[in-house]
Amino acid sequence: MKELNEMISLRLLDCDRTDIQAIASRLFVRESDIYRFTISFFLNRFSCLLDPSCTGSDLLLPLCEIRAEINHTLGLKKIQLEKIINGNILDADKYVAMSDVELLLMPQRNLRQRLSKLMEVSTSSVDVEECLKDYLIAKYNLYPAKILGTYPVIVDAVN
């Protein structure tokens, strides 16, 4: 059975619309195809946000992927983000400390300083976003942490 499409209204900056039109033109598709692709991409990539059983530390890596957008476009506050992450948590092992929720909202320069204090190596020469992911992976045992030299070693594992 074919689903019906619904029409929506969307406010965009002129520069964003111009960029979308340019991409559509370059790909030889309609502008609306780009919007549908973008929405589909987001929904597929972040389907964990649709799954009520995906809570706490399960959400850390997907949220790391959109950290800049959370800060710039959505403007979420730490209480809101903490509620998104820990709001419906049933497994106490998945609980994410507020200090780690705050890491997701920090500007890069502050994040670099904070991670330097939490880890035994200087973060000045590494990609701070990768460093954040590695820190969260190691702290919350999300999957075996990848080791880049002597990094990551967590100094303050308990907040």
C-alpha atoms as a PDB file:
ATOM      1  CA  MET A   1       0.000   0.000   0.000  1.00  0.00           C
ATOM      2  CA  LYS A   2       1.358   3.371  -0.982  1.00  0.00           C
ATOM      3  CA  GLU A   3       1.743   5.939   1.773  1.00  0.00           C
ATOM      4  CA  LEU A   4       0.383   9.415   1.247  1.00  0.00           C
ATOM      5  CA  ASN A   5       2.831  12.275   1.296  1.00  0.00           C
ATOM      6  CA  GLU A   6       2.050  15.274   3.440  1.00  0.00           C
ATOM      7  CA  MET A   7       2.943  18.816   2.589  1.00  0.00           C
ATOM      8  CA  ILE A   8       4.879  20.733   5.227  1.00  0.00           C
ATOM      9  CA  SER A   9       6.130  24.262   5.595  1.00  0.00           C
ATOM     10  CA  LEU A  10       9.777  24.862   6.404  1.00  0.00           C
ATOM     11  CA  ARG A  11      11.685  28.033   7.216  1.00  0.00           C
ATOM     12  CA  LEU A  12      15.218  28.182   5.838  1.00  0.00           C
ATOM     13  CA  LEU A  13      17.923  30.763   5.598  1.00  0.00           C
ATOM     14  CA  ASP A  14      18.379  32.081   2.060  1.00  0.00           C
ATOM     15  CA  CYS A  15      21.944  30.754   1.958  1.00  0.00           C
ATOM     16  CA  ASP A  16      20.771  27.250   2.970  1.00  0.00           C
ATOM     17  CA  ARG A  17      18.085  27.247   0.279  1.00  0.00           C
ATOM     18  CA  THR A  18      20.597  28.428  -2.310  1.00  0.00           C
ATOM     19  CA  ASP A  19      22.962  25.613  -1.301  1.00  0.00           C
ATOM     20  CA  ILE A  20      20.168  23.037  -1.524  1.00  0.00           C
ATOM     21  CA  GLN A  21      19.189  24.304  -4.965  1.00  0.00           C
ATOM     22  CA  ALA A  22      22.827  24.120  -6.106  1.00  0.00           C
ATOM     23  CA  ILE A  23      23.163  20.531  -4.860  1.00  0.00           C
ATOM     24  CA  ALA A  24      19.886  19.551  -6.530  1.00  0.00           C
ATOM     25  CA  SER A  25      21.039  21.123  -9.777  1.00  0.00           C
ATOM     26  CA  ARG A  26      24.388  19.357  -9.644  1.00  0.00           C
ATOM     27  CA  LEU A  27      22.709  16.001  -8.963  1.00  0.00           C
ATOM     28  CA  PHE A  28      20.050  16.619 -11.661  1.00  0.00           C
ATOM     29  CA  VAL A  29      17.202  16.123  -9.186  1.00  0.00           C
ATOM     30  CA  ARG A  30      14.446  18.289  -7.794  1.00  0.00           C
ATOM     31  CA  GLU A  31      14.926  20.415  -4.704  1.00  0.00           C
ATOM     32  CA  SER A  32      12.209  18.393  -2.957  1.00  0.00           C
ATOM     33  CA  ASP A  33      14.239  15.219  -3.571  1.00  0.00           C
ATOM     34  CA  ILE A  34      17.107  16.739  -1.586  1.00  0.00           C
ATOM     35  CA  TYR A  35      14.775  17.552   1.322  1.00  0.00           C
ATOM     36  CA  ARG A  36      13.351  14.014   1.312  1.00  0.00           C
ATOM     37  CA  PHE A  37      16.845  12.526   1.080  1.00  0.00           C
ATOM     38  CA  THR A  38      18.038  14.646   4.009  1.00  0.00           C
ATOM     39  CA  ILE A  39      15.116  13.644   6.197  1.00  0.00           C
ATOM     40  CA  SER A  40      15.450   9.986   5.239  1.00  0.00           C
ATOM     41  CA  PHE A  41      19.203  10.084   5.914  1.00  0.00           C
ATOM     42  CA  PHE A  42      18.669  11.590   9.364  1.00  0.00           C
ATOM     43  CA  LEU A  43      15.904   9.147  10.291  1.00  0.00           C
ATOM     44  CA  ASN A  44      17.987   6.154   9.188  1.00  0.00           C
ATOM     45  CA  ARG A  45      21.191   7.370  10.794  1.00  0.00           C
ATOM     46  CA  PHE A  46      19.553   8.255  14.090  1.00  0.00           C
ATOM     47  CA  SER A  47      16.823   5.635  14.306  1.00  0.00           C
ATOM     48  CA  CYS A  48      18.012   5.040  17.875  1.00  0.00           C
ATOM     49  CA  LEU A  49      16.094   8.204  18.802  1.00  0.00           C
ATOM     50  CA  LEU A  50      12.900   6.446  17.694  1.00  0.00           C
ATOM     51  CA  ASP A  51      13.608   3.379  19.834  1.00  0.00           C
ATOM     52  CA  PRO A  52      12.356   3.891  23.414  1.00  0.00           C
ATOM     53  CA  SER A  53      14.642   1.100  24.664  1.00  0.00           C
ATOM     54  CA  CYS A  54      17.692   2.990  23.415  1.00  0.00           C
ATOM     55  CA  THR A  55      18.590   5.182  26.392  1.00  0.00           C
ATOM     56  CA  GLY A  56      21.538   6.392  28.404  1.00  0.00           C
ATOM     57  CA  SER A  57      24.961   5.477  27.063  1.00  0.00           C
ATOM     58  CA  ASP A  58      23.351   3.922  23.938  1.00  0.00           C
ATOM     59  CA  LEU A  59      22.739   7.470  22.713  1.00  0.00           C
ATOM     60  CA  LEU A  60      26.212   8.903  23.316  1.00  0.00           C
ATOM     61  CA  LEU A  61      27.886   8.040  20.017  1.00  0.00           C
ATOM     62  CA  PRO A  62      24.937   9.024  17.801  1.00  0.00           C
ATOM     63  CA  LEU A  63      24.722  12.329  19.689  1.00  0.00           C
ATOM     64  CA  CYS A  64      28.479  12.841  19.255  1.00  0.00           C
ATOM     65  CA  GLU A  65      27.868  12.660  15.515  1.00  0.00           C
ATOM     66  CA  ILE A  66      25.494  15.628  15.652  1.00  0.00           C
ATOM     67  CA  ARG A  67      27.182  17.500  18.498  1.00  0.00           C
ATOM     68  CA  ALA A  68      27.791  20.642  16.447  1.00  0.00           C
ATOM     69  CA  GLU A  69      24.201  20.692  15.198  1.00  0.00           C
ATOM     70  CA  ILE A  70      22.851  20.178  18.712  1.00  0.00           C
ATOM     71  CA  ASN A  71      24.793  23.227  19.819  1.00  0.00           C
ATOM     72  CA  HIS A  72      24.308  25.468  16.800  1.00  0.00           C
ATOM     73  CA  THR A  73      20.929  24.622  15.304  1.00  0.00           C
ATOM     74  CA  LEU A  74      18.878  23.037  18.078  1.00  0.00           C
ATOM     75  CA  GLY A  75      20.293  25.044  20.977  1.00  0.00           C
ATOM     76  CA  LEU A  76      19.568  22.329  23.525  1.00  0.00           C
ATOM     77  CA  LYS A  77      20.350  23.056  27.152  1.00  0.00           C
ATOM     78  CA  LYS A  78      22.113  20.559  29.408  1.00  0.00           C
ATOM     79  CA  ILE A  79      18.915  19.726  31.331  1.00  0.00           C
ATOM     80  CA  GLN A  80      17.076  19.006  28.063  1.00  0.00           C
ATOM     81  CA  LEU A  81      19.886  16.834  26.737  1.00  0.00           C
ATOM     82  CA  GLU A  82      20.211  14.993  30.054  1.00  0.00           C
ATOM     83  CA  LYS A  83      16.475  14.249  29.937  1.00  0.00           C
ATOM     84  CA  ILE A  84      16.792  12.983  26.341  1.00  0.00           C
ATOM     85  CA  ILE A  85      19.673  10.704  27.332  1.00  0.00           C
ATOM     86  CA  ASN A  86      18.637   9.540  30.818  1.00  0.00           C
ATOM     87  CA  GLY A  87      14.909  10.347  30.882  1.00  0.00           C
ATOM     88  CA  ASN A  88      13.460   6.865  30.357  1.00  0.00           C
ATOM     89  CA  ILE A  89      16.409   4.859  31.606  1.00  0.00           C
ATOM     90  CA  LEU A  90      15.638   1.451  33.073  1.00  0.00           C
ATOM     91  CA  ASP A  91      19.169   0.050  33.268  1.00  0.00           C
ATOM     92  CA  ALA A  92      21.297   1.897  35.837  1.00  0.00           C
ATOM     93  CA  ASP A  93      24.457   0.722  34.040  1.00  0.00           C
ATOM     94  CA  LYS A  94      23.483   2.926  31.093  1.00  0.00           C
ATOM     95  CA  TYR A  95      23.173   6.105  33.181  1.00  0.00           C
ATOM     96  CA  VAL A  96      25.278   8.980  31.813  1.00  0.00           C
ATOM     97  CA  ALA A  97      26.751  11.446  34.300  1.00  0.00           C
ATOM     98  CA  MET A  98      25.737  15.091  33.904  1.00  0.00           C
ATOM     99  CA  SER A  99      29.412  16.047  33.518  1.00  0.00           C
ATOM    100  CA  ASP A 100      29.544  13.843  30.401  1.00  0.00           C
ATOM    101  CA  VAL A 101      26.275  15.259  29.066  1.00  0.00           C
ATOM    102  CA  GLU A 102      27.905  18.681  29.409  1.00  0.00           C
ATOM    103  CA  LEU A 103      30.804  17.505  27.219  1.00  0.00           C
ATOM    104  CA  LEU A 104      28.374  17.121  24.323  1.00  0.00           C
ATOM    105  CA  LEU A 105      27.378  20.775  24.633  1.00  0.00           C
ATOM    106  CA  MET A 106      30.815  22.345  25.105  1.00  0.00           C
ATOM    107  CA  PRO A 107      32.496  24.495  22.480  1.00  0.00           C
ATOM    108  CA  GLN A 108      35.547  22.759  21.011  1.00  0.00           C
ATOM    109  CA  ARG A 109      38.145  24.860  22.837  1.00  0.00           C
ATOM    110  CA  ASN A 110      36.529  24.175  26.236  1.00  0.00           C
ATOM    111  CA  LEU A 111      36.043  20.523  25.341  1.00  0.00           C
ATOM    112  CA  ARG A 112      39.736  20.180  24.517  1.00  0.00           C
ATOM    113  CA  GLN A 113      40.687  21.631  27.922  1.00  0.00           C
ATOM    114  CA  ARG A 114      38.230  19.411  29.807  1.00  0.00           C
ATOM    115  CA  LEU A 115      39.346  16.258  28.004  1.00  0.00           C
ATOM    116  CA  SER A 116      42.988  17.110  28.717  1.00  0.00           C
ATOM    117  CA  LYS A 117      42.132  17.098  32.417  1.00  0.00           C
ATOM    118  CA  LEU A 118      40.230  13.804  32.149  1.00  0.00           C
ATOM    119  CA  MET A 119      42.852  11.963  30.113  1.00  0.00           C
ATOM    120  CA  GLU A 120      46.554  11.405  30.702  1.00  0.00           C
ATOM    121  CA  VAL A 121      47.641  12.797  27.329  1.00  0.00           C
ATOM    122  CA  SER A 122      47.536  16.224  25.795  1.00  0.00           C
ATOM    123  CA  THR A 123      44.641  16.604  23.387  1.00  0.00           C
ATOM    124  CA  SER A 124      46.226  19.555  21.593  1.00  0.00           C
ATOM    125  CA  SER A 125      47.499  17.480  18.658  1.00  0.00           C
ATOM    126  CA  VAL A 126      44.494  15.167  18.202  1.00  0.00           C
ATOM    127  CA  ASP A 127      41.023  15.625  16.759  1.00  0.00           C
ATOM    128  CA  VAL A 128      38.953  16.672  19.765  1.00  0.00           C
ATOM    129  CA  GLU A 129      35.787  15.044  18.379  1.00  0.00           C
ATOM    130  CA  GLU A 130      37.544  11.673  18.049  1.00  0.00           C
ATOM    131  CA  CYS A 131      39.062  12.159  21.487  1.00  0.00           C
ATOM    132  CA  LEU A 132      35.566  12.727  22.935  1.00  0.00           C
ATOM    133  CA  LYS A 133      34.248   9.565  21.272  1.00  0.00           C
ATOM    134  CA  ASP A 134      37.197   7.539  22.531  1.00  0.00           C
ATOM    135  CA  TYR A 135      36.736   8.901  26.051  1.00  0.00           C
ATOM    136  CA  LEU A 136      33.026   7.996  26.078  1.00  0.00           C
ATOM    137  CA  ILE A 137      33.664   4.567  24.527  1.00  0.00           C
ATOM    138  CA  ALA A 138      36.251   3.756  27.178  1.00  0.00           C
ATOM    139  CA  LYS A 139      34.292   5.167  30.118  1.00  0.00           C
ATOM    140  CA  TYR A 140      30.934   3.596  29.269  1.00  0.00           C
ATOM    141  CA  ASN A 141      32.300   0.386  27.687  1.00  0.00           C
ATOM    142  CA  LEU A 142      30.319   1.060  24.529  1.00  0.00           C
ATOM    143  CA  TYR A 143      32.597  -1.288  22.609  1.00  0.00           C
ATOM    144  CA  PRO A 144      36.323  -1.976  22.838  1.00  0.00           C
ATOM    145  CA  ALA A 145      38.074   1.373  22.783  1.00  0.00           C
ATOM    146  CA  LYS A 146      40.438   1.897  19.932  1.00  0.00           C
ATOM    147  CA  ILE A 147      43.898   2.623  21.172  1.00  0.00           C
ATOM    148  CA  LEU A 148      45.818   5.404  19.443  1.00  0.00           C
ATOM    149  CA  GLY A 149      49.269   5.225  20.955  1.00  0.00           C
ATOM    150  CA  THR A 150      48.842   5.552  24.729  1.00  0.00           C
ATOM    151  CA  TYR A 151      45.430   7.111  24.309  1.00  0.00           C
ATOM    152  CA  PRO A 152      42.753   6.947  25.711  1.00  0.00           C
ATOM    153  CA  VAL A 153      43.556   6.436  29.368  1.00  0.00           C
ATOM    154  CA  ILE A 154      40.887   7.765  31.686  1.00  0.00           C
ATOM    155  CA  VAL A 155      42.091   9.526  34.797  1.00  0.00           C
ATOM    156  CA  ASP A 156      38.719  10.439  36.268  1.00  0.00           C
ATOM    157  CA  ALA A 157      36.430   7.535  35.427  1.00  0.00           C
ATOM    158  CA  VAL A 158      34.016   8.333  38.251  1.00  0.00           C
ATOM    159  CA  ASN A 159      32.318  11.717  38.241  1.00  0.00           C
END
